[in-house]
Amino acid sequence: MPTPSDVATAYREGLDAKEKAALLSWLGFTTTFAAVRAITYSIRDGRGPFRNLSVGGAHLHHYMWGIGMLAGVGAVAVRGEADAERHPVVGLTYGAGLALIVDEFALLLDLQDVYWAKQGRVSVDLGIGLVAGGGTVFAGIPMLRRLRHDRRP
């Protein structure tokens, strides 16, 4: 079993800048999507410290924060220096912002508010969760190969 130090070395030395950005983007997406699902279910069930955020009686959906995050990443891509573009926070922010948007995509398209329709919600959650996990694994393959290579005698 690789140690945390092995994983850190494989990340640092086994991935180029684009591979690191892809892995961090998928990690940001997967982690944010899972956290948002947990938080929204807890809000719906009335458990935990989280509550819906409203201003003037209007509910602020979390896709708004995702759009803002992607706008920030876009500004860095258009105007940022190369070092800023490859900063780990940029990849994480892109993935997290995208997850916030994808989670409420039906609302963005002005479709019926089916966000909590039981028959569709579980399958959507499961499908997006599997895609997020799969993308993270595939983005991490170069690092996993490095870990396997380093462990060989």
N, C-alpha and C. Protein backbone atom coordinates (compact mmCIF):
# COMPACT_ATOMS: atom_id res chain seq x y z
N MET A 1 0.85 -1.18 0.00
CA MET A 1 0.00 0.00 0.00
C MET A 1 0.89 1.24 0.00
N PRO A 2 0.65 2.18 -0.93
CA PRO A 2 1.47 3.38 -0.97
C PRO A 2 1.23 4.27 0.26
N THR A 3 2.27 4.90 0.71
CA THR A 3 2.17 5.83 1.84
C THR A 3 1.75 7.21 1.30
N PRO A 4 1.29 8.08 2.18
CA PRO A 4 0.99 9.45 1.73
C PRO A 4 2.21 10.12 1.08
N SER A 5 3.39 9.81 1.57
CA SER A 5 4.61 10.36 0.97
C SER A 5 4.80 9.85 -0.46
N ASP A 6 4.51 8.55 -0.68
CA ASP A 6 4.60 7.97 -2.03
C ASP A 6 3.64 8.69 -2.98
N VAL A 7 2.42 8.92 -2.51
CA VAL A 7 1.41 9.59 -3.33
C VAL A 7 1.85 11.01 -3.66
N ALA A 8 2.37 11.73 -2.67
CA ALA A 8 2.83 13.10 -2.89
C ALA A 8 3.98 13.13 -3.90
N THR A 9 4.89 12.19 -3.80
CA THR A 9 6.01 12.12 -4.74
C THR A 9 5.52 11.79 -6.14
N ALA A 10 4.60 10.83 -6.26
CA ALA A 10 4.05 10.47 -7.56
C ALA A 10 3.33 11.65 -8.19
N TYR A 11 2.61 12.43 -7.39
CA TYR A 11 1.92 13.61 -7.90
C TYR A 11 2.93 14.65 -8.37
N ARG A 12 3.91 14.93 -7.53
CA ARG A 12 4.89 15.98 -7.82
C ARG A 12 5.79 15.62 -9.01
N GLU A 13 6.24 14.37 -9.04
CA GLU A 13 7.24 13.98 -10.04
C GLU A 13 6.66 13.20 -11.23
N GLY A 14 5.48 12.62 -11.05
CA GLY A 14 4.94 11.76 -12.10
C GLY A 14 3.93 12.41 -13.01
N LEU A 15 3.52 13.63 -12.69
CA LEU A 15 2.52 14.31 -13.51
C LEU A 15 3.07 15.61 -14.05
N ASP A 16 2.75 15.89 -15.31
CA ASP A 16 3.12 17.20 -15.84
C ASP A 16 2.03 18.20 -15.44
N ALA A 17 2.19 19.45 -15.78
CA ALA A 17 1.28 20.51 -15.34
C ALA A 17 -0.16 20.26 -15.80
N LYS A 18 -0.33 19.79 -17.03
CA LYS A 18 -1.68 19.54 -17.54
C LYS A 18 -2.33 18.35 -16.83
N GLU A 19 -1.56 17.33 -16.55
CA GLU A 19 -2.11 16.17 -15.83
C GLU A 19 -2.49 16.54 -14.40
N LYS A 20 -1.67 17.37 -13.77
CA LYS A 20 -2.02 17.84 -12.42
C LYS A 20 -3.31 18.65 -12.45
N ALA A 21 -3.44 19.54 -13.43
CA ALA A 21 -4.65 20.36 -13.54
C ALA A 21 -5.88 19.49 -13.77
N ALA A 22 -5.76 18.48 -14.63
CA ALA A 22 -6.90 17.59 -14.90
C ALA A 22 -7.29 16.82 -13.65
N LEU A 23 -6.31 16.29 -12.94
CA LEU A 23 -6.60 15.54 -11.72
C LEU A 23 -7.25 16.44 -10.66
N LEU A 24 -6.70 17.61 -10.46
CA LEU A 24 -7.26 18.53 -9.47
C LEU A 24 -8.67 18.99 -9.86
N SER A 25 -8.90 19.18 -11.16
CA SER A 25 -10.25 19.56 -11.61
C SER A 25 -11.25 18.47 -11.28
N TRP A 26 -10.90 17.22 -11.57
CA TRP A 26 -11.81 16.11 -11.27
C TRP A 26 -12.00 15.93 -9.77
N LEU A 27 -10.92 16.09 -9.02
CA LEU A 27 -11.04 16.00 -7.56
C LEU A 27 -11.94 17.11 -7.02
N GLY A 28 -11.78 18.32 -7.55
CA GLY A 28 -12.63 19.43 -7.14
C GLY A 28 -14.09 19.17 -7.49
N PHE A 29 -14.33 18.64 -8.68
CA PHE A 29 -15.70 18.33 -9.11
C PHE A 29 -16.31 17.26 -8.21
N THR A 30 -15.60 16.16 -8.04
CA THR A 30 -16.14 15.03 -7.28
C THR A 30 -16.39 15.40 -5.83
N THR A 31 -15.44 16.06 -5.21
CA THR A 31 -15.57 16.45 -3.81
C THR A 31 -16.71 17.45 -3.62
N THR A 32 -16.77 18.45 -4.48
CA THR A 32 -17.81 19.47 -4.37
C THR A 32 -19.18 18.87 -4.63
N PHE A 33 -19.29 18.04 -5.65
CA PHE A 33 -20.59 17.43 -5.96
C PHE A 33 -21.08 16.60 -4.78
N ALA A 34 -20.20 15.79 -4.21
CA ALA A 34 -20.58 14.96 -3.07
C ALA A 34 -20.98 15.83 -1.87
N ALA A 35 -20.22 16.88 -1.61
CA ALA A 35 -20.52 17.76 -0.48
C ALA A 35 -21.85 18.49 -0.69
N VAL A 36 -22.09 18.99 -1.90
CA VAL A 36 -23.32 19.70 -2.19
C VAL A 36 -24.53 18.77 -2.05
N ARG A 37 -24.39 17.54 -2.52
CA ARG A 37 -25.49 16.57 -2.37
C ARG A 37 -25.79 16.34 -0.90
N ALA A 38 -24.74 16.12 -0.10
CA ALA A 38 -24.93 15.88 1.33
C ALA A 38 -25.58 17.09 2.00
N ILE A 39 -25.11 18.28 1.68
CA ILE A 39 -25.65 19.49 2.29
C ILE A 39 -27.11 19.71 1.87
N THR A 40 -27.41 19.53 0.59
CA THR A 40 -28.78 19.78 0.16
C THR A 40 -29.75 18.75 0.74
N TYR A 41 -29.30 17.51 0.87
CA TYR A 41 -30.16 16.51 1.52
C TYR A 41 -30.37 16.86 2.99
N SER A 42 -29.33 17.34 3.66
CA SER A 42 -29.49 17.70 5.07
C SER A 42 -30.42 18.91 5.22
N ILE A 43 -30.34 19.88 4.31
CA ILE A 43 -31.24 21.03 4.34
C ILE A 43 -32.68 20.56 4.13
N ARG A 44 -32.87 19.70 3.16
CA ARG A 44 -34.22 19.19 2.85
C ARG A 44 -34.81 18.44 4.05
N ASP A 45 -33.96 17.70 4.76
CA ASP A 45 -34.42 16.92 5.91
C ASP A 45 -34.44 17.75 7.20
N GLY A 46 -33.96 19.00 7.15
CA GLY A 46 -33.96 19.85 8.33
C GLY A 46 -32.93 19.47 9.37
N ARG A 47 -31.86 18.81 8.95
CA ARG A 47 -30.79 18.40 9.87
C ARG A 47 -29.54 19.21 9.59
N GLY A 48 -28.71 19.35 10.60
CA GLY A 48 -27.43 19.99 10.41
C GLY A 48 -27.50 21.50 10.48
N PRO A 49 -26.35 22.14 10.34
CA PRO A 49 -26.28 23.59 10.52
C PRO A 49 -26.64 24.39 9.27
N PHE A 50 -26.80 23.73 8.13
CA PHE A 50 -26.98 24.45 6.87
C PHE A 50 -28.45 24.80 6.63
N ARG A 51 -28.66 25.95 5.98
CA ARG A 51 -29.99 26.39 5.60
C ARG A 51 -29.90 27.01 4.21
N ASN A 52 -31.05 27.11 3.55
CA ASN A 52 -31.08 27.78 2.25
C ASN A 52 -30.71 29.24 2.43
N LEU A 53 -30.06 29.78 1.43
CA LEU A 53 -29.66 31.18 1.45
C LEU A 53 -30.62 31.97 0.57
N SER A 54 -31.23 32.99 1.14
CA SER A 54 -32.18 33.81 0.40
C SER A 54 -31.86 35.28 0.64
N VAL A 55 -32.15 36.08 -0.37
CA VAL A 55 -31.99 37.53 -0.28
C VAL A 55 -33.30 38.14 -0.78
N GLY A 56 -33.95 38.90 0.08
CA GLY A 56 -35.19 39.54 -0.30
C GLY A 56 -36.27 38.54 -0.69
N GLY A 57 -36.25 37.38 -0.08
CA GLY A 57 -37.25 36.35 -0.38
C GLY A 57 -36.92 35.48 -1.59
N ALA A 58 -35.85 35.82 -2.30
CA ALA A 58 -35.44 35.01 -3.47
C ALA A 58 -34.34 34.04 -3.06
N HIS A 59 -34.55 32.76 -3.36
CA HIS A 59 -33.57 31.73 -3.04
C HIS A 59 -32.36 31.88 -3.97
N LEU A 60 -31.18 31.86 -3.39
CA LEU A 60 -29.94 31.91 -4.19
C LEU A 60 -29.48 30.47 -4.43
N HIS A 61 -29.64 30.02 -5.64
CA HIS A 61 -29.23 28.67 -6.00
C HIS A 61 -27.71 28.60 -6.11
N HIS A 62 -27.16 27.41 -5.84
CA HIS A 62 -25.71 27.31 -5.83
C HIS A 62 -25.08 27.34 -7.22
N TYR A 63 -25.87 27.23 -8.29
CA TYR A 63 -25.28 27.37 -9.61
C TYR A 63 -24.73 28.79 -9.82
N MET A 64 -25.30 29.77 -9.10
CA MET A 64 -24.80 31.15 -9.22
C MET A 64 -23.34 31.24 -8.77
N TRP A 65 -23.01 30.56 -7.66
CA TRP A 65 -21.64 30.58 -7.17
C TRP A 65 -20.73 29.85 -8.16
N GLY A 66 -21.24 28.78 -8.76
CA GLY A 66 -20.46 28.05 -9.76
C GLY A 66 -20.15 28.90 -10.98
N ILE A 67 -21.13 29.67 -11.43
CA ILE A 67 -20.90 30.56 -12.58
C ILE A 67 -19.85 31.59 -12.23
N GLY A 68 -19.92 32.14 -11.02
CA GLY A 68 -18.90 33.10 -10.58
C GLY A 68 -17.51 32.49 -10.54
N MET A 69 -17.43 31.25 -10.05
CA MET A 69 -16.13 30.58 -9.98
C MET A 69 -15.57 30.33 -11.38
N LEU A 70 -16.41 29.89 -12.31
CA LEU A 70 -15.93 29.66 -13.68
C LEU A 70 -15.56 30.96 -14.36
N ALA A 71 -16.26 32.04 -14.04
CA ALA A 71 -15.88 33.35 -14.59
C ALA A 71 -14.49 33.74 -14.10
N GLY A 72 -14.20 33.49 -12.83
CA GLY A 72 -12.88 33.78 -12.30
C GLY A 72 -11.79 32.94 -12.95
N VAL A 73 -12.07 31.67 -13.15
CA VAL A 73 -11.10 30.80 -13.82
C VAL A 73 -10.89 31.27 -15.26
N GLY A 74 -11.98 31.67 -15.91
CA GLY A 74 -11.87 32.18 -17.28
C GLY A 74 -11.02 33.43 -17.35
N ALA A 75 -11.17 34.31 -16.36
CA ALA A 75 -10.37 35.53 -16.33
C ALA A 75 -8.89 35.20 -16.17
N VAL A 76 -8.58 34.21 -15.35
CA VAL A 76 -7.18 33.79 -15.18
C VAL A 76 -6.66 33.21 -16.49
N ALA A 77 -7.49 32.41 -17.17
CA ALA A 77 -7.06 31.80 -18.43
C ALA A 77 -6.82 32.85 -19.52
N VAL A 78 -7.65 33.88 -19.54
CA VAL A 78 -7.53 34.91 -20.58
C VAL A 78 -6.41 35.89 -20.28
N ARG A 79 -6.27 36.26 -19.02
CA ARG A 79 -5.35 37.33 -18.70
C ARG A 79 -4.18 36.92 -17.80
N GLY A 80 -4.28 35.75 -17.19
CA GLY A 80 -3.28 35.36 -16.21
C GLY A 80 -1.94 34.97 -16.82
N GLU A 81 -0.93 35.02 -16.01
CA GLU A 81 0.40 34.55 -16.38
C GLU A 81 0.40 33.03 -16.38
N ALA A 82 1.36 32.42 -17.04
CA ALA A 82 1.43 30.96 -17.15
C ALA A 82 1.46 30.29 -15.77
N ASP A 83 2.21 30.86 -14.84
CA ASP A 83 2.28 30.28 -13.50
C ASP A 83 0.91 30.32 -12.81
N ALA A 84 0.16 31.41 -13.01
CA ALA A 84 -1.17 31.53 -12.41
C ALA A 84 -2.12 30.52 -13.03
N GLU A 85 -2.03 30.32 -14.34
CA GLU A 85 -2.91 29.38 -15.03
C GLU A 85 -2.71 27.96 -14.53
N ARG A 86 -1.49 27.62 -14.16
CA ARG A 86 -1.19 26.26 -13.70
C ARG A 86 -1.25 26.12 -12.18
N HIS A 87 -1.66 27.15 -11.49
CA HIS A 87 -1.75 27.07 -10.03
C HIS A 87 -2.81 26.04 -9.65
N PRO A 88 -2.55 25.22 -8.64
CA PRO A 88 -3.51 24.17 -8.25
C PRO A 88 -4.91 24.70 -7.93
N VAL A 89 -4.99 25.91 -7.39
CA VAL A 89 -6.29 26.47 -7.04
C VAL A 89 -7.16 26.67 -8.29
N VAL A 90 -6.55 26.95 -9.42
CA VAL A 90 -7.31 27.15 -10.65
C VAL A 90 -8.02 25.86 -11.05
N GLY A 91 -7.31 24.74 -11.05
CA GLY A 91 -7.92 23.45 -11.39
C GLY A 91 -9.01 23.06 -10.41
N LEU A 92 -8.73 23.22 -9.12
CA LEU A 92 -9.73 22.90 -8.09
C LEU A 92 -10.97 23.79 -8.23
N THR A 93 -10.77 25.07 -8.47
CA THR A 93 -11.88 26.01 -8.60
C THR A 93 -12.72 25.69 -9.82
N TYR A 94 -12.07 25.33 -10.91
CA TYR A 94 -12.81 24.96 -12.12
C TYR A 94 -13.72 23.75 -11.84
N GLY A 95 -13.16 22.71 -11.26
CA GLY A 95 -13.95 21.51 -10.97
C GLY A 95 -15.07 21.78 -9.99
N ALA A 96 -14.80 22.54 -8.94
CA ALA A 96 -15.81 22.86 -7.94
C ALA A 96 -16.93 23.71 -8.55
N GLY A 97 -16.56 24.72 -9.31
CA GLY A 97 -17.56 25.57 -9.95
C GLY A 97 -18.45 24.80 -10.91
N LEU A 98 -17.83 23.91 -11.67
CA LEU A 98 -18.59 23.09 -12.61
C LEU A 98 -19.57 22.18 -11.87
N ALA A 99 -19.15 21.62 -10.76
CA ALA A 99 -20.03 20.74 -9.98
C ALA A 99 -21.24 21.52 -9.46
N LEU A 100 -21.04 22.75 -9.02
CA LEU A 100 -22.15 23.56 -8.52
C LEU A 100 -23.17 23.84 -9.63
N ILE A 101 -22.69 24.01 -10.84
CA ILE A 101 -23.58 24.25 -11.98
C ILE A 101 -24.29 22.96 -12.40
N VAL A 102 -23.54 21.89 -12.54
CA VAL A 102 -24.12 20.61 -12.98
C VAL A 102 -25.20 20.14 -12.02
N ASP A 103 -25.00 20.36 -10.74
CA ASP A 103 -25.96 19.90 -9.74
C ASP A 103 -27.34 20.52 -9.94
N GLU A 104 -27.41 21.73 -10.48
CA GLU A 104 -28.70 22.39 -10.69
C GLU A 104 -28.96 22.68 -12.17
N PHE A 105 -28.46 21.82 -13.03
CA PHE A 105 -28.55 22.07 -14.47
C PHE A 105 -29.98 22.19 -14.96
N ALA A 106 -30.91 21.38 -14.46
CA ALA A 106 -32.30 21.45 -14.90
C ALA A 106 -32.89 22.83 -14.62
N LEU A 107 -32.53 23.42 -13.48
CA LEU A 107 -33.03 24.76 -13.17
C LEU A 107 -32.45 25.81 -14.11
N LEU A 108 -31.18 25.63 -14.48
CA LEU A 108 -30.53 26.58 -15.38
C LEU A 108 -31.19 26.58 -16.75
N LEU A 109 -31.63 25.43 -17.19
CA LEU A 109 -32.27 25.31 -18.50
C LEU A 109 -33.74 25.72 -18.45
N ASP A 110 -34.19 26.17 -17.27
CA ASP A 110 -35.57 26.58 -17.05
C ASP A 110 -36.54 25.42 -17.28
N LEU A 111 -36.09 24.24 -16.93
CA LEU A 111 -36.96 23.08 -16.97
C LEU A 111 -37.78 23.05 -15.70
N GLN A 112 -38.72 22.14 -15.66
CA GLN A 112 -39.53 21.99 -14.47
C GLN A 112 -38.62 21.75 -13.27
N ASP A 113 -38.96 22.31 -12.14
CA ASP A 113 -38.15 22.16 -10.94
C ASP A 113 -38.31 20.74 -10.40
N VAL A 114 -37.54 19.82 -10.99
CA VAL A 114 -37.61 18.41 -10.62
C VAL A 114 -36.48 18.05 -9.65
N TYR A 115 -35.90 19.04 -9.06
CA TYR A 115 -34.73 18.84 -8.22
C TYR A 115 -34.95 17.78 -7.15
N TRP A 116 -36.15 17.71 -6.59
CA TRP A 116 -36.39 16.77 -5.52
C TRP A 116 -37.39 15.68 -5.90
N ALA A 117 -37.69 15.52 -7.20
CA ALA A 117 -38.57 14.43 -7.61
C ALA A 117 -37.86 13.11 -7.31
N LYS A 118 -38.43 12.31 -6.42
CA LYS A 118 -37.75 11.12 -5.92
C LYS A 118 -37.36 10.16 -7.03
N GLN A 119 -38.26 9.94 -7.99
CA GLN A 119 -37.98 8.95 -9.02
C GLN A 119 -36.77 9.30 -9.89
N GLY A 120 -36.49 10.58 -10.07
CA GLY A 120 -35.37 10.96 -10.91
C GLY A 120 -34.12 11.34 -10.14
N ARG A 121 -34.26 11.77 -8.91
CA ARG A 121 -33.13 12.31 -8.17
C ARG A 121 -32.06 11.26 -7.85
N VAL A 122 -32.46 10.09 -7.42
CA VAL A 122 -31.49 9.07 -7.04
C VAL A 122 -30.67 8.65 -8.25
N SER A 123 -31.33 8.44 -9.39
CA SER A 123 -30.58 7.99 -10.56
C SER A 123 -29.65 9.08 -11.07
N VAL A 124 -30.06 10.34 -11.01
CA VAL A 124 -29.20 11.44 -11.42
C VAL A 124 -28.00 11.54 -10.49
N ASP A 125 -28.24 11.49 -9.19
CA ASP A 125 -27.14 11.55 -8.22
C ASP A 125 -26.15 10.42 -8.46
N LEU A 126 -26.67 9.23 -8.63
CA LEU A 126 -25.80 8.07 -8.83
C LEU A 126 -25.02 8.20 -10.13
N GLY A 127 -25.69 8.61 -11.20
CA GLY A 127 -25.02 8.74 -12.50
C GLY A 127 -23.91 9.77 -12.48
N ILE A 128 -24.21 10.93 -11.94
CA ILE A 128 -23.18 11.98 -11.90
C ILE A 128 -22.07 11.59 -10.93
N GLY A 129 -22.43 10.95 -9.83
CA GLY A 129 -21.41 10.49 -8.89
C GLY A 129 -20.46 9.49 -9.53
N LEU A 130 -21.01 8.56 -10.32
CA LEU A 130 -20.16 7.57 -10.99
C LEU A 130 -19.26 8.23 -12.04
N VAL A 131 -19.81 9.19 -12.78
CA VAL A 131 -19.00 9.92 -13.76
C VAL A 131 -17.88 10.69 -13.06
N ALA A 132 -18.23 11.34 -11.95
CA ALA A 132 -17.22 12.11 -11.20
C ALA A 132 -16.12 11.20 -10.69
N GLY A 133 -16.51 10.09 -10.08
CA GLY A 133 -15.50 9.16 -9.57
C GLY A 133 -14.66 8.56 -10.69
N GLY A 134 -15.32 8.18 -11.77
CA GLY A 134 -14.59 7.61 -12.91
C GLY A 134 -13.63 8.60 -13.53
N GLY A 135 -14.06 9.84 -13.69
CA GLY A 135 -13.18 10.86 -14.24
C GLY A 135 -11.97 11.10 -13.36
N THR A 136 -12.19 11.09 -12.06
CA THR A 136 -11.08 11.27 -11.13
C THR A 136 -10.08 10.14 -11.25
N VAL A 137 -10.58 8.92 -11.34
CA VAL A 137 -9.68 7.76 -11.49
C VAL A 137 -8.90 7.86 -12.80
N PHE A 138 -9.59 8.15 -13.90
CA PHE A 138 -8.90 8.23 -15.18
C PHE A 138 -7.89 9.37 -15.21
N ALA A 139 -8.22 10.50 -14.60
CA ALA A 139 -7.26 11.61 -14.54
C ALA A 139 -6.06 11.24 -13.67
N GLY A 140 -6.25 10.34 -12.71
CA GLY A 140 -5.16 9.93 -11.83
C GLY A 140 -4.34 8.77 -12.34
N ILE A 141 -4.68 8.19 -13.50
CA ILE A 141 -3.95 7.03 -14.01
C ILE A 141 -2.45 7.28 -14.14
N PRO A 142 -2.00 8.42 -14.67
CA PRO A 142 -0.54 8.63 -14.73
C PRO A 142 0.12 8.56 -13.35
N MET A 143 -0.55 9.10 -12.34
CA MET A 143 0.01 9.05 -10.99
C MET A 143 -0.01 7.63 -10.46
N LEU A 144 -1.08 6.90 -10.72
CA LEU A 144 -1.17 5.50 -10.28
C LEU A 144 -0.07 4.65 -10.95
N ARG A 145 0.19 4.92 -12.22
CA ARG A 145 1.28 4.21 -12.91
C ARG A 145 2.62 4.50 -12.25
N ARG A 146 2.82 5.76 -11.89
CA ARG A 146 4.07 6.14 -11.22
C ARG A 146 4.20 5.43 -9.88
N LEU A 147 3.11 5.35 -9.13
CA LEU A 147 3.13 4.65 -7.86
C LEU A 147 3.46 3.17 -8.05
N ARG A 148 2.86 2.56 -9.05
CA ARG A 148 3.13 1.14 -9.32
C ARG A 148 4.59 0.95 -9.73
N HIS A 149 5.09 1.84 -10.58
CA HIS A 149 6.48 1.75 -11.03
C HIS A 149 7.44 1.90 -9.87
N ASP A 150 7.17 2.85 -8.97
CA ASP A 150 8.05 3.09 -7.82
C ASP A 150 8.06 1.93 -6.85
N ARG A 151 7.00 1.14 -6.80
CA ARG A 151 6.89 0.04 -5.84
C ARG A 151 7.56 -1.24 -6.34
N ARG A 152 7.89 -1.31 -7.62
CA ARG A 152 8.52 -2.52 -8.17
C ARG A 152 9.94 -2.65 -7.65
N PRO A 153 10.34 -3.92 -7.37
CA PRO A 153 11.71 -4.14 -6.86
C PRO A 153 12.78 -3.93 -7.91
